[in-house]
Protein backbone atom coordinates (compact mmCIF):
# COMPACT_ATOMS: atom_id res chain seq x y z
CA MET A 1 0.00 0.00 0.00
CA LYS A 2 2.84 2.40 0.86
CA MET A 3 4.36 1.79 -2.57
CA HIS A 4 1.16 2.89 -4.31
CA LEU A 5 0.84 6.05 -2.21
CA THR A 6 4.45 7.00 -2.80
CA SER A 7 4.10 6.50 -6.55
CA ALA A 8 0.88 8.50 -6.60
CA ALA A 9 2.46 11.33 -4.60
CA ALA A 10 5.47 11.40 -6.93
CA GLY A 11 3.16 11.51 -9.95
CA LEU A 12 1.18 14.41 -8.49
CA LEU A 13 4.35 16.35 -7.76
CA LEU A 14 5.57 15.75 -11.30
CA LEU A 15 2.28 16.96 -12.76
CA ALA A 16 2.28 20.00 -10.47
CA GLY A 17 5.78 20.86 -11.64
CA ILE A 18 4.79 20.56 -15.29
CA GLY A 19 1.75 22.75 -14.67
CA ALA A 20 3.85 25.40 -12.95
CA ALA A 21 6.38 25.41 -15.78
CA ALA A 22 3.63 25.72 -18.38
CA ALA A 23 2.07 28.61 -16.45
CA GLN A 24 5.36 30.50 -16.72
CA ASP A 25 5.55 30.11 -20.49
CA VAL A 26 4.45 33.25 -22.29
CA VAL A 27 3.85 33.13 -25.99
CA ILE A 28 4.10 36.43 -27.79
CA ALA A 29 2.06 36.38 -30.99
CA PRO A 30 4.23 36.79 -34.11
CA GLU A 31 2.38 40.01 -34.98
CA GLN A 32 3.15 41.47 -31.54
CA GLU A 33 6.79 40.40 -31.78
CA THR A 34 7.07 42.16 -35.15
CA VAL A 35 5.54 45.34 -33.72
CA ILE A 36 7.93 45.20 -30.75
CA LYS A 37 11.02 44.62 -32.92
CA GLU A 38 10.11 47.47 -35.29
CA TYR A 39 9.43 49.85 -32.40
CA VAL A 40 12.65 48.92 -30.59
CA HIS A 41 14.60 49.48 -33.81
CA LYS A 42 13.06 52.96 -34.23
CA GLN A 43 13.37 53.88 -30.53
CA PRO A 44 16.83 52.66 -29.48
CA LEU A 45 17.71 52.85 -25.82
CA ALA A 46 21.03 53.07 -24.07
CA SER A 47 22.05 49.75 -22.58
CA VAL A 48 21.96 49.46 -18.79
CA LYS A 49 23.94 47.20 -16.48
CA VAL A 50 22.01 45.08 -14.02
CA PRO A 51 24.48 43.18 -11.84
CA GLY A 52 23.29 39.79 -10.66
CA VAL A 53 20.47 39.43 -13.20
CA GLU A 54 20.75 36.70 -15.80
CA LEU A 55 19.04 37.47 -19.08
CA ASN A 56 16.89 34.36 -19.12
CA ILE A 57 13.18 33.95 -19.64
CA GLY A 58 11.60 34.02 -16.20
CA SER A 59 14.32 36.15 -14.58
CA THR A 60 13.04 39.19 -12.72
CA VAL A 61 14.14 42.70 -13.64
CA PRO A 62 14.64 44.84 -10.49
CA ASP A 63 12.31 47.75 -9.73
CA THR A 64 15.26 50.12 -10.15
CA VAL A 65 15.30 49.43 -13.91
CA GLU A 66 13.00 51.62 -15.98
CA LEU A 67 10.80 49.67 -18.38
CA HIS A 68 9.78 51.36 -21.62
CA GLU A 69 6.37 51.11 -23.25
CA VAL A 70 5.63 49.83 -26.72
CA PRO A 71 2.36 51.40 -27.93
CA ASN A 72 -0.58 48.97 -28.15
CA VAL A 73 1.42 46.08 -26.64
CA GLN A 74 1.00 44.77 -23.10
CA TYR A 75 4.72 44.21 -22.58
CA ARG A 76 7.56 46.64 -21.88
CA TYR A 77 11.19 46.54 -22.96
CA VAL A 78 14.64 47.50 -21.75
CA VAL A 79 18.14 47.02 -23.11
CA VAL A 80 20.42 45.19 -20.69
CA ASP A 81 24.02 44.41 -21.59
CA ASN A 82 23.26 45.36 -25.21
CA ARG A 83 20.42 42.83 -25.44
CA THR A 84 16.79 43.87 -25.71
CA VAL A 85 14.52 42.08 -23.26
CA ILE A 86 10.74 42.03 -23.27
CA VAL A 87 9.27 42.20 -19.77
CA ASP A 88 5.82 41.57 -18.30
CA PRO A 89 5.24 44.85 -16.42
CA GLY A 90 3.00 43.19 -13.81
CA THR A 91 5.55 40.64 -12.68
CA ARG A 92 8.70 42.29 -14.10
CA LYS A 93 9.70 38.85 -15.43
CA ILE A 94 11.53 38.55 -18.72
CA VAL A 95 9.27 36.90 -21.29
CA LYS A 96 11.56 37.16 -24.34
CA VAL A 97 15.14 38.05 -25.14
CA LEU A 98 15.54 39.54 -28.62
CA ASP A 99 18.74 38.84 -30.48
């Protein structure tokens, strides 16, 4: 009986982990990404340094970093270490790194 409970608990934890990872995935529609890239190209920003922040999807941008608006798009952007990152303004998490 213990074996079955342990297996069931492990399965639930695995499914919970997959659900949490999927909840963090943000898909930017291709049309929105095009709008963002064109806007960023027309409105270049100076690159900022943010010590201790890795430029990975899901990383949080500190409150001290100013996020810049893209008209008609829910996301904001900033240039960190010469790389443009798209940020969810509500959570300040990086949702895309543009190359």
